[in-house]
PDB file of all heavy atoms in Angstrom:
ATOM      1  N   GLU A   1       0.759  -1.184  -0.063  1.00  0.00           N
ATOM      2  CA  GLU A   1      -0.013   0.007  -0.002  1.00  0.00           C
ATOM      3  C   GLU A   1       0.944   1.229  -0.037  1.00  0.00           C
ATOM      4  O   GLU A   1       0.558   2.242  -0.641  1.00  0.00           O
ATOM      5  CB  GLU A   1      -0.961   0.021   1.265  1.00  0.00           C
ATOM      6  CG  GLU A   1      -1.937   1.146   1.143  1.00  0.00           C
ATOM      7  CD  GLU A   1      -3.007   1.129   2.389  1.00  0.00           C
ATOM      8  OE1 GLU A   1      -3.369   0.077   2.723  1.00  0.00           O
ATOM      9  OE2 GLU A   1      -3.400   2.257   2.618  1.00  0.00           O
ATOM     10  N   VAL A   2       1.973   1.216   0.741  1.00  0.00           N
ATOM     11  CA  VAL A   2       2.937   2.444   0.789  1.00  0.00           C
ATOM     12  C   VAL A   2       3.582   2.575  -0.531  1.00  0.00           C
ATOM     13  O   VAL A   2       3.627   3.735  -1.115  1.00  0.00           O
ATOM     14  CB  VAL A   2       3.957   2.209   1.930  1.00  0.00           C
ATOM     15  CG1 VAL A   2       5.056   3.286   1.786  1.00  0.00           C
ATOM     16  CG2 VAL A   2       3.330   2.342   3.193  1.00  0.00           C
ATOM     17  N   ASP A   3       3.995   1.451  -1.249  1.00  0.00           N
ATOM     18  CA  ASP A   3       4.506   1.560  -2.550  1.00  0.00           C
ATOM     19  C   ASP A   3       3.588   2.152  -3.553  1.00  0.00           C
ATOM     20  O   ASP A   3       4.066   2.932  -4.352  1.00  0.00           O
ATOM     21  CB  ASP A   3       4.943   0.097  -3.018  1.00  0.00           C
ATOM     22  CG  ASP A   3       6.367  -0.418  -2.507  1.00  0.00           C
ATOM     23  OD1 ASP A   3       6.900   0.405  -1.724  1.00  0.00           O
ATOM     24  OD2 ASP A   3       6.669  -1.461  -2.681  1.00  0.00           O
ATOM     25  N   GLU A   4       2.325   1.578  -3.503  1.00  0.00           N
ATOM     26  CA  GLU A   4       1.269   2.189  -4.302  1.00  0.00           C
ATOM     27  C   GLU A   4       1.064   3.712  -4.115  1.00  0.00           C
ATOM     28  O   GLU A   4       0.928   4.492  -4.964  1.00  0.00           O
ATOM     29  CB  GLU A   4       0.007   1.448  -4.141  1.00  0.00           C
ATOM     30  CG  GLU A   4      -1.144   1.789  -4.875  1.00  0.00           C
ATOM     31  CD  GLU A   4      -1.000   1.773  -6.467  1.00  0.00           C
ATOM     32  OE1 GLU A   4      -0.223   0.862  -6.913  1.00  0.00           O
ATOM     33  OE2 GLU A   4      -1.559   2.634  -7.158  1.00  0.00           O
ATOM     34  N   ALA A   5       0.971   4.039  -2.894  1.00  0.00           N
ATOM     35  CA  ALA A   5       0.747   5.506  -2.418  1.00  0.00           C
ATOM     36  C   ALA A   5       1.845   6.408  -3.031  1.00  0.00           C
ATOM     37  O   ALA A   5       1.645   7.577  -3.594  1.00  0.00           O
ATOM     38  CB  ALA A   5       0.709   5.688  -1.005  1.00  0.00           C
ATOM     39  N   LEU A   6       3.184   5.890  -2.992  1.00  0.00           N
ATOM     40  CA  LEU A   6       4.232   6.740  -3.351  1.00  0.00           C
ATOM     41  C   LEU A   6       4.675   6.461  -4.809  1.00  0.00           C
ATOM     42  O   LEU A   6       5.687   7.096  -5.357  1.00  0.00           O
ATOM     43  CB  LEU A   6       5.416   6.410  -2.511  1.00  0.00           C
ATOM     44  CG  LEU A   6       5.213   6.712  -0.980  1.00  0.00           C
ATOM     45  CD1 LEU A   6       6.466   6.421  -0.200  1.00  0.00           C
ATOM     46  CD2 LEU A   6       4.927   8.238  -0.715  1.00  0.00           C
ATOM     47  N   LYS A   7       4.002   5.486  -5.537  1.00  0.00           N
ATOM     48  CA  LYS A   7       4.451   5.149  -6.891  1.00  0.00           C
ATOM     49  C   LYS A   7       5.913   4.908  -6.898  1.00  0.00           C
ATOM     50  O   LYS A   7       6.622   5.369  -7.879  1.00  0.00           O
ATOM     51  CB  LYS A   7       3.954   6.258  -7.936  1.00  0.00           C
ATOM     52  CG  LYS A   7       2.543   6.665  -7.867  1.00  0.00           C
ATOM     53  CD  LYS A   7       1.654   5.547  -8.566  1.00  0.00           C
ATOM     54  CE  LYS A   7       0.155   5.940  -8.624  1.00  0.00           C
ATOM     55  NZ  LYS A   7      -0.555   5.522  -7.450  1.00  0.00           N
ATOM     56  N   GLN A   8       6.310   4.022  -6.109  1.00  0.00           N
ATOM     57  CA  GLN A   8       7.764   3.712  -5.875  1.00  0.00           C
ATOM     58  C   GLN A   8       7.925   2.274  -5.336  1.00  0.00           C
ATOM     59  O   GLN A   8       7.161   1.994  -4.574  1.00  0.00           O
ATOM     60  CB  GLN A   8       8.461   4.769  -5.066  1.00  0.00           C
ATOM     61  CG  GLN A   8       9.901   4.558  -4.742  1.00  0.00           C
ATOM     62  CD  GLN A   8      10.311   5.366  -3.504  1.00  0.00           C
ATOM     63  OE1 GLN A   8       9.546   5.905  -2.756  1.00  0.00           O
ATOM     64  NE2 GLN A   8      11.652   5.390  -3.323  1.00  0.00           N
ATOM     65  N   ASP A   9       9.069   1.599  -5.688  1.00  0.00           N
ATOM     66  CA  ASP A   9       9.354   0.414  -4.992  1.00  0.00           C
ATOM     67  C   ASP A   9      10.141   0.753  -3.685  1.00  0.00           C
ATOM     68  O   ASP A   9      11.256   0.314  -3.590  1.00  0.00           O
ATOM     69  CB  ASP A   9      10.124  -0.490  -5.917  1.00  0.00           C
ATOM     70  CG  ASP A   9      10.369  -1.955  -5.345  1.00  0.00           C
ATOM     71  OD1 ASP A   9       9.715  -2.185  -4.237  1.00  0.00           O
ATOM     72  OD2 ASP A   9      11.224  -2.675  -5.813  1.00  0.00           O
ATOM     73  N   LEU A  10       9.473   1.343  -2.729  1.00  0.00           N
ATOM     74  CA  LEU A  10      10.201   1.661  -1.534  1.00  0.00           C
ATOM     75  C   LEU A  10      10.505   0.397  -0.804  1.00  0.00           C
ATOM     76  O   LEU A  10      11.698   0.377  -0.204  1.00  0.00           O
ATOM     77  CB  LEU A  10       9.234   2.525  -0.613  1.00  0.00           C
ATOM     78  CG  LEU A  10       9.853   3.041   0.616  1.00  0.00           C
ATOM     79  CD1 LEU A  10      11.075   3.935   0.386  1.00  0.00           C
ATOM     80  CD2 LEU A  10       8.869   3.790   1.573  1.00  0.00           C
ATOM     81  N   PHE A  11       9.793  -0.670  -0.813  1.00  0.00           N
ATOM     82  CA  PHE A  11       9.965  -1.889  -0.106  1.00  0.00           C
ATOM     83  C   PHE A  11      11.232  -2.530  -0.644  1.00  0.00           C
ATOM     84  O   PHE A  11      12.081  -3.077   0.092  1.00  0.00           O
ATOM     85  CB  PHE A  11       8.876  -2.775  -0.123  1.00  0.00           C
ATOM     86  CG  PHE A  11       8.953  -4.037   0.719  1.00  0.00           C
ATOM     87  CD1 PHE A  11       9.227  -3.940   2.093  1.00  0.00           C
ATOM     88  CD2 PHE A  11       9.092  -5.306   0.238  1.00  0.00           C
ATOM     89  CE1 PHE A  11       9.459  -5.034   2.983  1.00  0.00           C
ATOM     90  CE2 PHE A  11       9.282  -6.433   1.004  1.00  0.00           C
ATOM     91  CZ  PHE A  11       9.456  -6.243   2.321  1.00  0.00           C
ATOM     92  N   GLY A  12      11.430  -2.441  -2.041  1.00  0.00           N
ATOM     93  CA  GLY A  12      12.582  -2.962  -2.640  1.00  0.00           C
ATOM     94  C   GLY A  12      13.896  -2.238  -2.046  1.00  0.00           C
ATOM     95  O   GLY A  12      14.983  -2.806  -1.878  1.00  0.00           O
ATOM     96  N   LEU A  13      13.794  -0.954  -1.876  1.00  0.00           N
ATOM     97  CA  LEU A  13      14.852  -0.170  -1.376  1.00  0.00           C
ATOM     98  C   LEU A  13      15.067  -0.443   0.104  1.00  0.00           C
ATOM     99  O   LEU A  13      16.175  -0.556   0.562  1.00  0.00           O
ATOM    100  CB  LEU A  13      14.377   1.359  -1.541  1.00  0.00           C
ATOM    101  CG  LEU A  13      15.468   2.400  -1.168  1.00  0.00           C
ATOM    102  CD1 LEU A  13      16.702   2.229  -2.174  1.00  0.00           C
ATOM    103  CD2 LEU A  13      14.935   3.840  -1.412  1.00  0.00           C
ATOM    104  N   MET A  14      14.084  -0.758   0.819  1.00  0.00           N
ATOM    105  CA  MET A  14      14.195  -1.001   2.376  1.00  0.00           C
ATOM    106  C   MET A  14      14.918  -2.395   2.559  1.00  0.00           C
ATOM    107  O   MET A  14      15.796  -2.597   3.403  1.00  0.00           O
ATOM    108  CB  MET A  14      12.724  -1.176   2.920  1.00  0.00           C
ATOM    109  CG  MET A  14      12.024   0.118   3.160  1.00  0.00           C
ATOM    110  SD  MET A  14      10.247   0.057   3.478  1.00  0.00           S
ATOM    111  CE  MET A  14      10.177  -0.829   5.135  1.00  0.00           C
ATOM    112  N   THR A  15      14.583  -3.304   1.588  1.00  0.00           N
ATOM    113  CA  THR A  15      15.076  -4.651   1.781  1.00  0.00           C
ATOM    114  C   THR A  15      16.486  -4.878   1.028  1.00  0.00           C
ATOM    115  O   THR A  15      17.287  -5.707   1.528  1.00  0.00           O
ATOM    116  CB  THR A  15      14.155  -5.752   1.362  1.00  0.00           C
ATOM    117  OG1 THR A  15      13.668  -5.427   0.050  1.00  0.00           O
ATOM    118  CG2 THR A  15      12.909  -5.828   2.244  1.00  0.00           C
ATOM    119  N   GLY A  16      16.651  -4.149  -0.036  1.00  0.00           N
ATOM    120  CA  GLY A  16      17.841  -4.440  -0.800  1.00  0.00           C
ATOM    121  C   GLY A  16      18.739  -3.179  -0.894  1.00  0.00           C
ATOM    122  O   GLY A  16      19.917  -3.402  -1.483  1.00  0.00           O
ATOM    123  N   GLY A  17      18.422  -2.121  -0.450  1.00  0.00           N
ATOM    124  CA  GLY A  17      19.318  -0.818  -0.612  1.00  0.00           C
ATOM    125  C   GLY A  17      19.302  -0.322  -1.918  1.00  0.00           C
ATOM    126  O   GLY A  17      18.319  -0.449  -2.734  1.00  0.00           O
ATOM    127  N   PRO A  18      20.206   0.543  -2.364  1.00  0.00           N
ATOM    128  CA  PRO A  18      21.449   0.823  -1.526  1.00  0.00           C
ATOM    129  C   PRO A  18      21.189   1.671  -0.288  1.00  0.00           C
ATOM    130  O   PRO A  18      20.245   2.505  -0.357  1.00  0.00           O
ATOM    131  CB  PRO A  18      22.336   1.634  -2.503  1.00  0.00           C
ATOM    132  CG  PRO A  18      21.355   2.206  -3.494  1.00  0.00           C
ATOM    133  CD  PRO A  18      20.245   1.245  -3.580  1.00  0.00           C
ATOM    134  N   GLU A  19      22.089   1.617   0.728  1.00  0.00           N
ATOM    135  CA  GLU A  19      21.771   2.308   1.975  1.00  0.00           C
ATOM    136  C   GLU A  19      21.709   3.811   1.762  1.00  0.00           C
ATOM    137  O   GLU A  19      20.998   4.538   2.430  1.00  0.00           O
ATOM    138  CB  GLU A  19      22.913   2.038   2.938  1.00  0.00           C
ATOM    139  CG  GLU A  19      22.561   2.389   4.362  1.00  0.00           C
ATOM    140  CD  GLU A  19      23.706   1.945   5.392  1.00  0.00           C
ATOM    141  OE1 GLU A  19      24.492   1.093   4.984  1.00  0.00           O
ATOM    142  OE2 GLU A  19      23.537   2.421   6.498  1.00  0.00           O
ATOM    143  N   SER A  20      22.687   4.387   0.837  1.00  0.00           N
ATOM    144  CA  SER A  20      22.686   5.782   0.625  1.00  0.00           C
ATOM    145  C   SER A  20      21.321   6.381   0.109  1.00  0.00           C
ATOM    146  O   SER A  20      21.061   7.453   0.337  1.00  0.00           O
ATOM    147  CB  SER A  20      23.817   6.113  -0.429  1.00  0.00           C
ATOM    148  OG  SER A  20      23.474   5.321  -1.690  1.00  0.00           O
ATOM    149  N   GLU A  21      20.676   5.523  -0.639  1.00  0.00           N
ATOM    150  CA  GLU A  21      19.396   5.966  -1.066  1.00  0.00           C
ATOM    151  C   GLU A  21      18.255   5.824  -0.070  1.00  0.00           C
ATOM    152  O   GLU A  21      17.347   6.673   0.091  1.00  0.00           O
ATOM    153  CB  GLU A  21      18.987   5.104  -2.270  1.00  0.00           C
ATOM    154  CG  GLU A  21      18.259   5.943  -3.383  1.00  0.00           C
ATOM    155  CD  GLU A  21      18.021   5.190  -4.590  1.00  0.00           C
ATOM    156  OE1 GLU A  21      18.915   4.685  -5.298  1.00  0.00           O
ATOM    157  OE2 GLU A  21      16.791   5.107  -5.054  1.00  0.00           O
ATOM    158  N   LEU A  22      18.364   4.775   0.802  1.00  0.00           N
ATOM    159  CA  LEU A  22      17.409   4.505   1.857  1.00  0.00           C
ATOM    160  C   LEU A  22      17.573   5.677   2.916  1.00  0.00           C
ATOM    161  O   LEU A  22      16.494   6.107   3.541  1.00  0.00           O
ATOM    162  CB  LEU A  22      17.568   3.141   2.551  1.00  0.00           C
ATOM    163  CG  LEU A  22      16.729   2.780   3.741  1.00  0.00           C
ATOM    164  CD1 LEU A  22      15.258   2.954   3.286  1.00  0.00           C
ATOM    165  CD2 LEU A  22      17.081   1.593   4.290  1.00  0.00           C
ATOM    166  N   THR A  23      18.767   6.116   3.080  1.00  0.00           N
ATOM    167  CA  THR A  23      19.023   7.228   4.146  1.00  0.00           C
ATOM    168  C   THR A  23      18.505   8.576   3.685  1.00  0.00           C
ATOM    169  O   THR A  23      18.319   9.378   4.562  1.00  0.00           O
ATOM    170  CB  THR A  23      20.570   7.236   4.382  1.00  0.00           C
ATOM    171  OG1 THR A  23      20.997   5.933   4.723  1.00  0.00           O
ATOM    172  CG2 THR A  23      20.952   8.088   5.523  1.00  0.00           C
ATOM    173  N   MET A  24      18.255   8.743   2.496  1.00  0.00           N
ATOM    174  CA  MET A  24      17.659   9.961   2.025  1.00  0.00           C
ATOM    175  C   MET A  24      16.354  10.332   2.718  1.00  0.00           C
ATOM    176  O   MET A  24      15.452   9.418   2.806  1.00  0.00           O
ATOM    177  CB  MET A  24      17.506  10.022   0.525  1.00  0.00           C
ATOM    178  CG  MET A  24      18.843  10.175  -0.352  1.00  0.00           C
ATOM    179  SD  MET A  24      18.634   9.737  -2.111  1.00  0.00           S
ATOM    180  CE  MET A  24      17.456  11.181  -2.518  1.00  0.00           C
ATOM    181  N   THR A  25      16.309  11.433   3.266  1.00  0.00           N
ATOM    182  CA  THR A  25      15.163  11.911   4.143  1.00  0.00           C
ATOM    183  C   THR A  25      13.840  11.525   3.463  1.00  0.00           C
ATOM    184  O   THR A  25      12.877  11.029   4.282  1.00  0.00           O
ATOM    185  CB  THR A  25      15.246  13.335   4.402  1.00  0.00           C
ATOM    186  OG1 THR A  25      16.499  13.611   4.919  1.00  0.00           O
ATOM    187  CG2 THR A  25      14.193  13.795   5.464  1.00  0.00           C
ATOM    188  N   ALA A  26      13.667  11.779   2.199  1.00  0.00           N
ATOM    189  CA  ALA A  26      12.276  11.554   1.529  1.00  0.00           C
ATOM    190  C   ALA A  26      11.982  10.053   1.622  1.00  0.00           C
ATOM    191  O   ALA A  26      10.906   9.687   1.375  1.00  0.00           O
ATOM    192  CB  ALA A  26      12.384  12.201   0.164  1.00  0.00           C
ATOM    193  N   ASN A  27      13.015   9.199   1.588  1.00  0.00           N
ATOM    194  CA  ASN A  27      12.850   7.707   1.590  1.00  0.00           C
ATOM    195  C   ASN A  27      12.719   7.174   3.042  1.00  0.00           C
ATOM    196  O   ASN A  27      11.967   6.340   3.246  1.00  0.00           O
ATOM    197  CB  ASN A  27      13.886   6.979   0.742  1.00  0.00           C
ATOM    198  CG  ASN A  27      13.775   7.207  -0.620  1.00  0.00           C
ATOM    199  OD1 ASN A  27      12.707   7.453  -1.349  1.00  0.00           O
ATOM    200  ND2 ASN A  27      14.914   7.388  -1.391  1.00  0.00           N
ATOM    201  N   ALA A  28      13.655   7.692   3.790  1.00  0.00           N
ATOM    202  CA  ALA A  28      13.762   7.093   5.145  1.00  0.00           C
ATOM    203  C   ALA A  28      12.508   7.377   5.938  1.00  0.00           C
ATOM    204  O   ALA A  28      12.058   6.445   6.759  1.00  0.00           O
ATOM    205  CB  ALA A  28      14.944   7.817   5.866  1.00  0.00           C
ATOM    206  N   GLN A  29      11.918   8.547   5.785  1.00  0.00           N
ATOM    207  CA  GLN A  29      10.725   8.847   6.713  1.00  0.00           C
ATOM    208  C   GLN A  29       9.510   7.916   6.371  1.00  0.00           C
ATOM    209  O   GLN A  29       9.089   7.204   7.286  1.00  0.00           O
ATOM    210  CB  GLN A  29      10.287  10.300   6.466  1.00  0.00           C
ATOM    211  CG  GLN A  29      11.388  11.268   7.020  1.00  0.00           C
ATOM    212  CD  GLN A  29      10.983  12.604   7.353  1.00  0.00           C
ATOM    213  OE1 GLN A  29       9.712  12.872   7.566  1.00  0.00           O
ATOM    214  NE2 GLN A  29      11.943  13.670   7.528  1.00  0.00           N
ATOM    215  N   PRO A  30       9.016   7.807   5.151  1.00  0.00           N
ATOM    216  CA  PRO A  30       7.999   6.767   4.880  1.00  0.00           C
ATOM    217  C   PRO A  30       8.345   5.394   5.118  1.00  0.00           C
ATOM    218  O   PRO A  30       7.609   4.520   5.556  1.00  0.00           O
ATOM    219  CB  PRO A  30       7.579   6.985   3.406  1.00  0.00           C
ATOM    220  CG  PRO A  30       8.693   7.746   2.837  1.00  0.00           C
ATOM    221  CD  PRO A  30       9.359   8.527   3.921  1.00  0.00           C
ATOM    222  N   ALA A  31       9.705   4.965   5.046  1.00  0.00           N
ATOM    223  CA  ALA A  31      10.147   3.558   5.114  1.00  0.00           C
ATOM    224  C   ALA A  31      10.111   3.248   6.615  1.00  0.00           C
ATOM    225  O   ALA A  31       9.529   2.134   6.964  1.00  0.00           O
ATOM    226  CB  ALA A  31      11.655   3.455   4.661  1.00  0.00           C
ATOM    227  N   ILE A  32      10.498   4.086   7.545  1.00  0.00           N
ATOM    228  CA  ILE A  32      10.507   3.855   9.029  1.00  0.00           C
ATOM    229  C   ILE A  32       9.028   3.685   9.377  1.00  0.00           C
ATOM    230  O   ILE A  32       8.657   2.867  10.246  1.00  0.00           O
ATOM    231  CB  ILE A  32      11.224   4.947   9.766  1.00  0.00           C
ATOM    232  CG1 ILE A  32      12.701   4.905   9.445  1.00  0.00           C
ATOM    233  CG2 ILE A  32      11.024   4.934  11.259  1.00  0.00           C
ATOM    234  CD1 ILE A  32      13.485   6.156   9.817  1.00  0.00           C
ATOM    235  N   MET A  33       8.198   4.626   8.985  1.00  0.00           N
ATOM    236  CA  MET A  33       6.734   4.512   9.250  1.00  0.00           C
ATOM    237  C   MET A  33       6.160   3.241   8.827  1.00  0.00           C
ATOM    238  O   MET A  33       5.451   2.533   9.690  1.00  0.00           O
ATOM    239  CB  MET A  33       5.963   5.757   8.606  1.00  0.00           C
ATOM    240  CG  MET A  33       4.584   5.751   8.881  1.00  0.00           C
ATOM    241  SD  MET A  33       3.483   4.708   7.795  1.00  0.00           S
ATOM    242  CE  MET A  33       3.859   5.443   6.146  1.00  0.00           C
ATOM    243  N   ALA A  34       6.386   2.806   7.532  1.00  0.00           N
ATOM    244  CA  ALA A  34       5.844   1.609   7.026  1.00  0.00           C
ATOM    245  C   ALA A  34       6.171   0.430   7.851  1.00  0.00           C
ATOM    246  O   ALA A  34       5.442  -0.515   8.197  1.00  0.00           O
ATOM    247  CB  ALA A  34       6.274   1.383   5.560  1.00  0.00           C
ATOM    248  N   ASN A  35       7.524   0.413   8.214  1.00  0.00           N
ATOM    249  CA  ASN A  35       7.957  -0.747   9.174  1.00  0.00           C
ATOM    250  C   ASN A  35       7.261  -0.803  10.449  1.00  0.00           C
ATOM    251  O   ASN A  35       6.884  -1.863  10.972  1.00  0.00           O
ATOM    252  CB  ASN A  35       9.443  -0.604   9.285  1.00  0.00           C
ATOM    253  CG  ASN A  35      10.158  -1.875   9.892  1.00  0.00           C
ATOM    254  OD1 ASN A  35       9.815  -2.975   9.480  1.00  0.00           O
ATOM    255  ND2 ASN A  35      10.996  -1.609  10.909  1.00  0.00           N
ATOM    256  N   SER A  36       7.180   0.412  11.205  1.00  0.00           N
ATOM    257  CA  SER A  36       6.446   0.422  12.400  1.00  0.00           C
ATOM    258  C   SER A  36       4.880   0.017  12.269  1.00  0.00           C
ATOM    259  O   SER A  36       4.441  -0.730  13.017  1.00  0.00           O
ATOM    260  CB  SER A  36       6.492   1.931  12.934  1.00  0.00           C
ATOM    261  OG  SER A  36       7.734   2.216  13.489  1.00  0.00           O
ATOM    262  N   VAL A  37       4.357   0.538  11.279  1.00  0.00           N
ATOM    263  CA  VAL A  37       2.811   0.370  11.104  1.00  0.00           C
ATOM    264  C   VAL A  37       2.543  -1.200  10.689  1.00  0.00           C
ATOM    265  O   VAL A  37       1.765  -1.786  11.183  1.00  0.00           O
ATOM    266  CB  VAL A  37       2.252   1.327  10.047  1.00  0.00           C
ATOM    267  CG1 VAL A  37       0.897   0.831   9.786  1.00  0.00           C
ATOM    268  CG2 VAL A  37       2.173   2.690  10.585  1.00  0.00           C
ATOM    269  N   ALA A  38       3.499  -1.795   9.892  1.00  0.00           N
ATOM    270  CA  ALA A  38       3.418  -3.163   9.509  1.00  0.00           C
ATOM    271  C   ALA A  38       3.581  -4.055  10.875  1.00  0.00           C
ATOM    272  O   ALA A  38       2.853  -4.963  10.897  1.00  0.00           O
ATOM    273  CB  ALA A  38       4.555  -3.492   8.515  1.00  0.00           C
ATOM    274  N   THR A  39       4.514  -3.514  11.707  1.00  0.00           N
ATOM    275  CA  THR A  39       4.633  -4.202  12.987  1.00  0.00           C
ATOM    276  C   THR A  39       3.360  -4.211  13.878  1.00  0.00           C
ATOM    277  O   THR A  39       2.917  -5.352  14.355  1.00  0.00           O
ATOM    278  CB  THR A  39       5.850  -3.613  13.865  1.00  0.00           C
ATOM    279  OG1 THR A  39       7.028  -3.593  13.017  1.00  0.00           O
ATOM    280  CG2 THR A  39       6.083  -4.452  15.002  1.00  0.00           C
ATOM    281  N   ALA A  40       2.744  -3.068  13.861  1.00  0.00           N
ATOM    282  CA  ALA A  40       1.470  -2.906  14.601  1.00  0.00           C
ATOM    283  C   ALA A  40       0.381  -3.784  13.992  1.00  0.00           C
ATOM    284  O   ALA A  40      -0.442  -4.399  14.694  1.00  0.00           O
ATOM    285  CB  ALA A  40       1.101  -1.438  14.690  1.00  0.00           C
ATOM    286  N   ARG A  41       0.343  -3.739  12.734  1.00  0.00           N
ATOM    287  CA  ARG A  41      -0.666  -4.494  11.938  1.00  0.00           C
ATOM    288  C   ARG A  41      -0.561  -6.089  12.095  1.00  0.00           C
ATOM    289  O   ARG A  41      -1.501  -6.710  12.331  1.00  0.00           O
ATOM    290  CB  ARG A  41      -0.568  -4.136  10.440  1.00  0.00           C
ATOM    291  CG  ARG A  41      -1.538  -4.847   9.454  1.00  0.00           C
ATOM    292  CD  ARG A  41      -2.879  -4.175   9.185  1.00  0.00           C
ATOM    293  NE  ARG A  41      -2.704  -2.727   8.744  1.00  0.00           N
ATOM    294  CZ  ARG A  41      -2.791  -2.360   7.478  1.00  0.00           C
ATOM    295  NH1 ARG A  41      -3.077  -3.197   6.443  1.00  0.00           N
ATOM    296  NH2 ARG A  41      -2.805  -1.114   7.189  1.00  0.00           N
ATOM    297  N   VAL A  42       0.661  -6.559  12.116  1.00  0.00           N
ATOM    298  CA  VAL A  42       0.962  -7.953  12.305  1.00  0.00           C
ATOM    299  C   VAL A  42       0.580  -8.288  13.669  1.00  0.00           C
ATOM    300  O   VAL A  42      -0.168  -9.393  13.917  1.00  0.00           O
ATOM    301  CB  VAL A  42       2.414  -8.329  11.939  1.00  0.00           C
ATOM    302  CG1 VAL A  42       2.742  -9.783  12.437  1.00  0.00           C
ATOM    303  CG2 VAL A  42       2.710  -8.173  10.475  1.00  0.00           C
ATOM    304  N   LEU A  43       0.871  -7.454  14.636  1.00  0.00           N
ATOM    305  CA  LEU A  43       0.569  -7.804  16.100  1.00  0.00           C
ATOM    306  C   LEU A  43      -1.017  -7.922  16.225  1.00  0.00           C
ATOM    307  O   LEU A  43      -1.393  -8.803  16.944  1.00  0.00           O
ATOM    308  CB  LEU A  43       1.122  -6.622  16.914  1.00  0.00           C
ATOM    309  CG  LEU A  43       1.024  -6.753  18.467  1.00  0.00           C
ATOM    310  CD1 LEU A  43       1.789  -7.913  18.904  1.00  0.00           C
ATOM    311  CD2 LEU A  43       1.424  -5.523  19.161  1.00  0.00           C
ATOM    312  N   LYS A  44      -1.699  -7.110  15.510  1.00  0.00           N
ATOM    313  CA  LYS A  44      -3.181  -7.123  15.630  1.00  0.00           C
ATOM    314  C   LYS A  44      -3.773  -8.294  14.840  1.00  0.00           C
ATOM    315  O   LYS A  44      -4.517  -9.053  15.389  1.00  0.00           O
ATOM    316  CB  LYS A  44      -3.748  -5.743  15.096  1.00  0.00           C
ATOM    317  CG  LYS A  44      -5.225  -5.752  15.213  1.00  0.00           C
ATOM    318  CD  LYS A  44      -5.838  -4.370  14.657  1.00  0.00           C
ATOM    319  CE  LYS A  44      -7.330  -4.389  14.715  1.00  0.00           C
ATOM    320  NZ  LYS A  44      -7.857  -3.150  14.133  1.00  0.00           N
TER     321      LYS A  44
END
């Protein structure tokens, strides 16, 4: 859903890097959120 919202393979970047691109603020912020929300969703 996050990939679809951003029209980007953000999950591919999260899992495969490169780190320099993942660390870019515009990628890091939604990536960290997606990981936290996924954790909450799985818990539920």
